Amino acid sequence: MAANLLEKLRQMLLDMQHSGRLSHIEPGLYDDARAYIEKRKTDYYDLKNPLESRAGGLLIEEIGSVTETVQEIFSVRTRQILDLAYQQIEGQYFDKDEGRKMLPEERAMYERIINAIEECREALVHGEAAPFGGDGAAAGARGDEADGTPEPRGTPAAPVPRSIRSPYALVHIRSDVESFMGMDGRTYVLKMGDIVTLPENNADVLCEHDIALNIRLNK
């Protein structure tokens, strides 16, 4: 099953890269991949000496390969959806068949991108509205200018907190780690032998201190 799943994902990715067009994928693809990865992690933890056994090493490689391939599928599809959004904004031809190939979550992302671009264009090009914060955001910007600038009207709206996004790395934890807050805003409690995906910056720090091993796999 492992070989079949990984081969299926890799073939799907290859087709996407060659066609350059958004393609149909099964609605449960990501759910199936996550479930499979969790199953293989359970298999790994069930081994008597996973760090020293060949079976443990093979499971780590398998988990890494599936994780990497799914992430690349997501990245390719996201770039394609961004291209479709730009085409629609610019009034270019939009293939409705490609639009129907989006997953519900991708469709929601696509519509938000369209709205965000429209709001920004109205604000910057036409000066008709202030995006993502209304008059408060514009007033706050004016208030930072040199002395003599009129005081902003009203109280600037507080910025909406956004989680920090960063690339992720698959790592193998080599010793217990005290709980810490990752760059993505999540709290991590790690123990020796865990196989986890961490924000790349956090993973680099752990690897530098020989606490974790970054699993880098060639496709």
C-alpha atoms as a PDB file:
ATOM      1  CA  MET A   1       0.000   0.000   0.000  1.00  0.00           C
ATOM      2  CA  ALA A   2       2.853   2.372   0.837  1.00  0.00           C
ATOM      3  CA  ALA A   3       4.425   2.029  -2.593  1.00  0.00           C
ATOM      4  CA  ASN A   4       1.036   2.427  -4.268  1.00  0.00           C
ATOM      5  CA  LEU A   5       0.170   5.600  -2.336  1.00  0.00           C
ATOM      6  CA  LEU A   6       3.564   7.208  -2.808  1.00  0.00           C
ATOM      7  CA  GLU A   7       3.664   6.286  -6.495  1.00  0.00           C
ATOM      8  CA  LYS A   8       0.164   7.690  -6.958  1.00  0.00           C
ATOM      9  CA  LEU A   9       1.130  10.977  -5.288  1.00  0.00           C
ATOM     10  CA  ARG A  10       4.351  11.301  -7.269  1.00  0.00           C
ATOM     11  CA  GLN A  11       2.599  10.592 -10.573  1.00  0.00           C
ATOM     12  CA  MET A  12      -0.063  13.151  -9.708  1.00  0.00           C
ATOM     13  CA  LEU A  13       2.615  15.741  -8.940  1.00  0.00           C
ATOM     14  CA  LEU A  14       4.458  14.982 -12.182  1.00  0.00           C
ATOM     15  CA  ASP A  15       1.261  15.406 -14.212  1.00  0.00           C
ATOM     16  CA  MET A  16       0.556  18.743 -12.513  1.00  0.00           C
ATOM     17  CA  GLN A  17       4.033  20.058 -13.226  1.00  0.00           C
ATOM     18  CA  HIS A  18       3.940  19.001 -16.875  1.00  0.00           C
ATOM     19  CA  SER A  19       0.430  20.234 -17.689  1.00  0.00           C
ATOM     20  CA  GLY A  20       0.714  23.576 -15.918  1.00  0.00           C
ATOM     21  CA  ARG A  21      -3.046  23.471 -15.409  1.00  0.00           C
ATOM     22  CA  LEU A  22      -5.182  22.804 -12.387  1.00  0.00           C
ATOM     23  CA  SER A  23      -6.253  19.179 -12.442  1.00  0.00           C
ATOM     24  CA  HIS A  24      -8.907  17.141 -10.677  1.00  0.00           C
ATOM     25  CA  ILE A  25      -7.865  15.459  -7.442  1.00  0.00           C
ATOM     26  CA  GLU A  26      -9.888  13.226  -5.156  1.00  0.00           C
ATOM     27  CA  PRO A  27     -11.630  15.242  -2.403  1.00  0.00           C
ATOM     28  CA  GLY A  28     -10.202  12.955   0.284  1.00  0.00           C
ATOM     29  CA  LEU A  29      -6.597  13.054  -0.948  1.00  0.00           C
ATOM     30  CA  TYR A  30      -5.211  15.150   1.894  1.00  0.00           C
ATOM     31  CA  ASP A  31      -7.267  13.311   4.523  1.00  0.00           C
ATOM     32  CA  ASP A  32      -6.051   9.945   3.229  1.00  0.00           C
ATOM     33  CA  ALA A  33      -2.433  11.097   3.209  1.00  0.00           C
ATOM     34  CA  ARG A  34      -2.644  12.427   6.771  1.00  0.00           C
ATOM     35  CA  ALA A  35      -4.294   9.242   7.995  1.00  0.00           C
ATOM     36  CA  TYR A  36      -1.630   7.142   6.309  1.00  0.00           C
ATOM     37  CA  ILE A  37       1.203   9.198   7.802  1.00  0.00           C
ATOM     38  CA  GLU A  38      -0.303   8.860  11.284  1.00  0.00           C
ATOM     39  CA  LYS A  39      -0.611   5.110  10.757  1.00  0.00           C
ATOM     40  CA  ARG A  40       3.046   4.819   9.787  1.00  0.00           C
ATOM     41  CA  LYS A  41       4.058   6.919  12.805  1.00  0.00           C
ATOM     42  CA  THR A  42       2.151   4.476  15.012  1.00  0.00           C
ATOM     43  CA  ASP A  43       3.974   1.594  13.322  1.00  0.00           C
ATOM     44  CA  TYR A  44       7.258   3.348  14.048  1.00  0.00           C
ATOM     45  CA  TYR A  45       6.486   3.884  17.746  1.00  0.00           C
ATOM     46  CA  ASP A  46       5.397   0.253  18.067  1.00  0.00           C
ATOM     47  CA  LEU A  47       8.884  -0.986  17.127  1.00  0.00           C
ATOM     48  CA  LYS A  48      11.014  -2.182  19.998  1.00  0.00           C
ATOM     49  CA  ASN A  49      14.130  -0.202  19.023  1.00  0.00           C
ATOM     50  CA  PRO A  50      13.038   2.160  16.222  1.00  0.00           C
ATOM     51  CA  LEU A  51      16.205   4.263  16.356  1.00  0.00           C
ATOM     52  CA  GLU A  52      18.442   1.261  15.791  1.00  0.00           C
ATOM     53  CA  SER A  53      16.371  -0.943  13.505  1.00  0.00           C
ATOM     54  CA  ARG A  54      16.342  -0.946   9.711  1.00  0.00           C
ATOM     55  CA  ALA A  55      12.540  -1.048   9.815  1.00  0.00           C
ATOM     56  CA  GLY A  56      12.535   2.215  11.782  1.00  0.00           C
ATOM     57  CA  GLY A  57      14.775   3.872   9.222  1.00  0.00           C
ATOM     58  CA  LEU A  58      12.569   2.746   6.352  1.00  0.00           C
ATOM     59  CA  LEU A  59       9.465   4.063   8.092  1.00  0.00           C
ATOM     60  CA  ILE A  60      11.122   7.459   8.617  1.00  0.00           C
ATOM     61  CA  GLU A  61      12.008   7.620   4.925  1.00  0.00           C
ATOM     62  CA  GLU A  62       8.483   6.620   3.938  1.00  0.00           C
ATOM     63  CA  ILE A  63       6.871   9.211   6.209  1.00  0.00           C
ATOM     64  CA  GLY A  64       9.214  11.885   4.881  1.00  0.00           C
ATOM     65  CA  SER A  65       8.585  11.003   1.241  1.00  0.00           C
ATOM     66  CA  VAL A  66       4.792  11.099   1.569  1.00  0.00           C
ATOM     67  CA  THR A  67       4.899  14.333   3.612  1.00  0.00           C
ATOM     68  CA  GLU A  68       7.190  16.068   1.107  1.00  0.00           C
ATOM     69  CA  THR A  69       5.172  14.974  -1.920  1.00  0.00           C
ATOM     70  CA  VAL A  70       1.845  16.101  -0.437  1.00  0.00           C
ATOM     71  CA  GLN A  71       3.357  19.464   0.492  1.00  0.00           C
ATOM     72  CA  GLU A  72       4.648  19.912  -3.059  1.00  0.00           C
ATOM     73  CA  ILE A  73       1.225  19.036  -4.487  1.00  0.00           C
ATOM     74  CA  PHE A  74      -0.273  21.742  -2.285  1.00  0.00           C
ATOM     75  CA  SER A  75       2.374  24.260  -3.387  1.00  0.00           C
ATOM     76  CA  VAL A  76       1.891  23.554  -7.097  1.00  0.00           C
ATOM     77  CA  ARG A  77      -1.898  23.795  -6.856  1.00  0.00           C
ATOM     78  CA  THR A  78      -1.678  27.026  -4.844  1.00  0.00           C
ATOM     79  CA  ARG A  79       0.541  28.635  -7.493  1.00  0.00           C
ATOM     80  CA  GLN A  80      -1.913  27.548 -10.191  1.00  0.00           C
ATOM     81  CA  ILE A  81      -4.842  29.017  -8.238  1.00  0.00           C
ATOM     82  CA  LEU A  82      -2.948  32.295  -7.830  1.00  0.00           C
ATOM     83  CA  ASP A  83      -2.466  32.385 -11.611  1.00  0.00           C
ATOM     84  CA  LEU A  84      -6.198  31.831 -12.145  1.00  0.00           C
ATOM     85  CA  ALA A  85      -7.023  34.636  -9.711  1.00  0.00           C
ATOM     86  CA  TYR A  86      -4.705  37.022 -11.537  1.00  0.00           C
ATOM     87  CA  GLN A  87      -6.218  36.091 -14.894  1.00  0.00           C
ATOM     88  CA  GLN A  88      -9.703  36.866 -13.640  1.00  0.00           C
ATOM     89  CA  ILE A  89      -8.643  40.180 -12.073  1.00  0.00           C
ATOM     90  CA  GLU A  90      -7.010  41.253 -15.332  1.00  0.00           C
ATOM     91  CA  GLY A  91     -10.069  40.288 -17.349  1.00  0.00           C
ATOM     92  CA  GLN A  92      -8.275  37.535 -19.204  1.00  0.00           C
ATOM     93  CA  TYR A  93      -9.889  34.271 -20.273  1.00  0.00           C
ATOM     94  CA  PHE A  94     -10.820  32.133 -17.294  1.00  0.00           C
ATOM     95  CA  ASP A  95     -11.368  28.424 -17.813  1.00  0.00           C
ATOM     96  CA  LYS A  96     -14.448  27.503 -15.795  1.00  0.00           C
ATOM     97  CA  ASP A  97     -13.509  23.841 -16.021  1.00  0.00           C
ATOM     98  CA  GLU A  98     -10.382  24.575 -13.993  1.00  0.00           C
ATOM     99  CA  GLY A  99     -12.480  26.458 -11.464  1.00  0.00           C
ATOM    100  CA  ARG A 100     -14.648  23.398 -10.969  1.00  0.00           C
ATOM    101  CA  LYS A 101     -11.543  21.355 -10.165  1.00  0.00           C
ATOM    102  CA  MET A 102     -10.852  23.331  -7.000  1.00  0.00           C
ATOM    103  CA  LEU A 103     -11.517  21.705  -3.643  1.00  0.00           C
ATOM    104  CA  PRO A 104     -13.939  23.638  -1.390  1.00  0.00           C
ATOM    105  CA  GLU A 105     -11.044  24.954   0.700  1.00  0.00           C
ATOM    106  CA  GLU A 106      -9.198  26.023  -2.458  1.00  0.00           C
ATOM    107  CA  ARG A 107     -12.318  27.768  -3.764  1.00  0.00           C
ATOM    108  CA  ALA A 108     -12.585  29.724  -0.501  1.00  0.00           C
ATOM    109  CA  MET A 109      -8.918  30.732  -0.781  1.00  0.00           C
ATOM    110  CA  TYR A 110      -9.409  31.762  -4.427  1.00  0.00           C
ATOM    111  CA  GLU A 111     -12.359  34.021  -3.579  1.00  0.00           C
ATOM    112  CA  ARG A 112     -10.465  35.663  -0.717  1.00  0.00           C
ATOM    113  CA  ILE A 113      -7.530  36.373  -3.021  1.00  0.00           C
ATOM    114  CA  ILE A 114      -9.839  37.972  -5.592  1.00  0.00           C
ATOM    115  CA  ASN A 115     -11.484  40.144  -2.922  1.00  0.00           C
ATOM    116  CA  ALA A 116      -8.149  41.164  -1.407  1.00  0.00           C
ATOM    117  CA  ILE A 117      -6.720  42.220  -4.778  1.00  0.00           C
ATOM    118  CA  GLU A 118      -9.884  44.176  -5.628  1.00  0.00           C
ATOM    119  CA  GLU A 119      -9.824  45.994  -2.273  1.00  0.00           C
ATOM    120  CA  CYS A 120      -6.151  46.851  -2.624  1.00  0.00           C
ATOM    121  CA  ARG A 121      -6.589  48.110  -6.195  1.00  0.00           C
ATOM    122  CA  GLU A 122      -9.558  50.274  -5.209  1.00  0.00           C
ATOM    123  CA  ALA A 123      -7.504  51.811  -2.398  1.00  0.00           C
ATOM    124  CA  LEU A 124      -4.235  52.367  -4.262  1.00  0.00           C
ATOM    125  CA  VAL A 125      -5.327  53.001  -7.843  1.00  0.00           C
ATOM    126  CA  HIS A 126      -8.719  54.657  -7.347  1.00  0.00           C
ATOM    127  CA  GLY A 127      -8.332  55.915  -3.769  1.00  0.00           C
ATOM    128  CA  GLU A 128     -11.876  54.850  -2.984  1.00  0.00           C
ATOM    129  CA  ALA A 129     -11.368  52.675   0.066  1.00  0.00           C
ATOM    130  CA  ALA A 130      -8.739  51.678   2.581  1.00  0.00           C
ATOM    131  CA  PRO A 131      -8.092  47.926   2.583  1.00  0.00           C
ATOM    132  CA  PHE A 132      -7.829  45.675   5.617  1.00  0.00           C
ATOM    133  CA  GLY A 133      -8.452  48.266   8.318  1.00  0.00           C
ATOM    134  CA  GLY A 134     -10.528  51.151   7.032  1.00  0.00           C
ATOM    135  CA  ASP A 135      -9.877  54.766   8.012  1.00  0.00           C
ATOM    136  CA  GLY A 136      -8.006  53.720  11.144  1.00  0.00           C
ATOM    137  CA  ALA A 137      -5.184  52.121   9.178  1.00  0.00           C
ATOM    138  CA  ALA A 138      -4.830  55.144   6.913  1.00  0.00           C
ATOM    139  CA  ALA A 139      -4.964  57.509   9.894  1.00  0.00           C
ATOM    140  CA  GLY A 140      -2.266  55.546  11.680  1.00  0.00           C
ATOM    141  CA  ALA A 141       0.007  55.866   8.658  1.00  0.00           C
ATOM    142  CA  ARG A 142      -0.570  59.622   8.468  1.00  0.00           C
ATOM    143  CA  GLY A 143       0.142  60.028  12.171  1.00  0.00           C
ATOM    144  CA  ASP A 144       3.668  58.640  11.674  1.00  0.00           C
ATOM    145  CA  GLU A 145       4.663  61.420   9.288  1.00  0.00           C
ATOM    146  CA  ALA A 146       6.678  64.514  10.168  1.00  0.00           C
ATOM    147  CA  ASP A 147       5.546  67.153  12.703  1.00  0.00           C
ATOM    148  CA  GLY A 148       2.913  69.506  11.398  1.00  0.00           C
ATOM    149  CA  THR A 149       0.782  66.791   9.860  1.00  0.00           C
ATOM    150  CA  PRO A 150      -2.873  67.079  10.978  1.00  0.00           C
ATOM    151  CA  GLU A 151      -3.838  64.714  13.760  1.00  0.00           C
ATOM    152  CA  PRO A 152      -5.701  61.598  12.576  1.00  0.00           C
ATOM    153  CA  ARG A 153      -9.414  61.530  13.211  1.00  0.00           C
ATOM    154  CA  GLY A 154     -10.600  58.817  15.529  1.00  0.00           C
ATOM    155  CA  THR A 155      -8.600  56.066  17.145  1.00  0.00           C
ATOM    156  CA  PRO A 156      -6.552  53.834  14.817  1.00  0.00           C
ATOM    157  CA  ALA A 157      -7.866  50.296  14.720  1.00  0.00           C
ATOM    158  CA  ALA A 158      -5.635  47.708  16.338  1.00  0.00           C
ATOM    159  CA  PRO A 159      -3.984  45.437  13.768  1.00  0.00           C
ATOM    160  CA  VAL A 160      -5.475  41.980  13.481  1.00  0.00           C
ATOM    161  CA  PRO A 161      -2.974  39.391  14.793  1.00  0.00           C
ATOM    162  CA  ARG A 162      -1.759  37.026  12.109  1.00  0.00           C
ATOM    163  CA  SER A 163       0.021  33.766  12.663  1.00  0.00           C
ATOM    164  CA  ILE A 164       3.568  33.739  11.357  1.00  0.00           C
ATOM    165  CA  ARG A 165       3.936  31.320   8.507  1.00  0.00           C
ATOM    166  CA  SER A 166       7.204  29.705   7.602  1.00  0.00           C
ATOM    167  CA  PRO A 167       8.394  26.668   5.684  1.00  0.00           C
ATOM    168  CA  TYR A 168       8.257  23.426   7.620  1.00  0.00           C
ATOM    169  CA  ALA A 169      10.846  20.704   8.072  1.00  0.00           C
ATOM    170  CA  LEU A 170      10.409  17.060   9.018  1.00  0.00           C
ATOM    171  CA  VAL A 171      12.671  16.211  11.952  1.00  0.00           C
ATOM    172  CA  HIS A 172      13.522  13.237  14.134  1.00  0.00           C
ATOM    173  CA  ILE A 173      13.791  14.234  17.815  1.00  0.00           C
ATOM    174  CA  ARG A 174      16.887  12.766  19.482  1.00  0.00           C
ATOM    175  CA  SER A 175      16.230  13.870  23.074  1.00  0.00           C
ATOM    176  CA  ASP A 176      13.364  15.223  25.168  1.00  0.00           C
ATOM    177  CA  VAL A 177      12.571  18.922  24.704  1.00  0.00           C
ATOM    178  CA  GLU A 178      10.821  21.293  27.082  1.00  0.00           C
ATOM    179  CA  SER A 179       7.612  22.794  25.698  1.00  0.00           C
ATOM    180  CA  PHE A 180       8.144  25.839  23.474  1.00  0.00           C
ATOM    181  CA  MET A 181       6.178  28.155  21.220  1.00  0.00           C
ATOM    182  CA  GLY A 182       6.922  27.628  17.522  1.00  0.00           C
ATOM    183  CA  MET A 183       7.118  30.300  14.826  1.00  0.00           C
ATOM    184  CA  ASP A 184       3.636  29.218  13.747  1.00  0.00           C
ATOM    185  CA  GLY A 185       2.147  30.075  17.141  1.00  0.00           C
ATOM    186  CA  ARG A 186       1.705  26.462  18.214  1.00  0.00           C
ATOM    187  CA  THR A 187       3.044  24.968  21.444  1.00  0.00           C
ATOM    188  CA  TYR A 188       5.251  21.905  20.972  1.00  0.00           C
ATOM    189  CA  VAL A 189       6.066  19.258  23.572  1.00  0.00           C
ATOM    190  CA  LEU A 190       8.551  16.813  22.076  1.00  0.00           C
ATOM    191  CA  LYS A 191      10.073  13.581  23.291  1.00  0.00           C
ATOM    192  CA  MET A 192      12.972  11.469  22.068  1.00  0.00           C
ATOM    193  CA  GLY A 193      12.000   9.399  19.046  1.00  0.00           C
ATOM    194  CA  ASP A 194       9.196  11.702  17.867  1.00  0.00           C
ATOM    195  CA  ILE A 195       8.888  12.397  14.151  1.00  0.00           C
ATOM    196  CA  VAL A 196       7.282  15.802  13.642  1.00  0.00           C
ATOM    197  CA  THR A 197       7.031  18.694  11.235  1.00  0.00           C
ATOM    198  CA  LEU A 198       8.293  21.953  12.756  1.00  0.00           C
ATOM    199  CA  PRO A 199       8.659  25.482  11.398  1.00  0.00           C
ATOM    200  CA  GLU A 200      12.010  25.504   9.631  1.00  0.00           C
ATOM    201  CA  ASN A 201      13.510  28.156  11.923  1.00  0.00           C
ATOM    202  CA  ASN A 202      12.680  26.105  15.018  1.00  0.00           C
ATOM    203  CA  ALA A 203      13.935  22.923  13.375  1.00  0.00           C
ATOM    204  CA  ASP A 204      17.256  24.590  12.532  1.00  0.00           C
ATOM    205  CA  VAL A 205      17.795  25.622  16.156  1.00  0.00           C
ATOM    206  CA  LEU A 206      17.133  22.109  17.453  1.00  0.00           C
ATOM    207  CA  CYS A 207      19.410  20.594  14.827  1.00  0.00           C
ATOM    208  CA  GLU A 208      22.223  23.029  15.659  1.00  0.00           C
ATOM    209  CA  HIS A 209      22.076  21.823  19.275  1.00  0.00           C
ATOM    210  CA  ASP A 210      22.016  18.167  18.173  1.00  0.00           C
ATOM    211  CA  ILE A 211      18.539  17.755  19.651  1.00  0.00           C
ATOM    212  CA  ALA A 212      16.915  16.903  16.332  1.00  0.00           C
ATOM    213  CA  LEU A 213      17.884  15.411  13.003  1.00  0.00           C
ATOM    214  CA  ASN A 214      16.477  17.073   9.874  1.00  0.00           C
ATOM    215  CA  ILE A 215      15.168  14.404   7.517  1.00  0.00           C
ATOM    216  CA  ARG A 216      16.160  15.667   4.097  1.00  0.00           C
ATOM    217  CA  LEU A 217      15.045  13.392   1.293  1.00  0.00           C
ATOM    218  CA  ASN A 218      15.668  13.514  -2.406  1.00  0.00           C
ATOM    219  CA  LYS A 219      12.598  13.191  -4.597  1.00  0.00           C
END
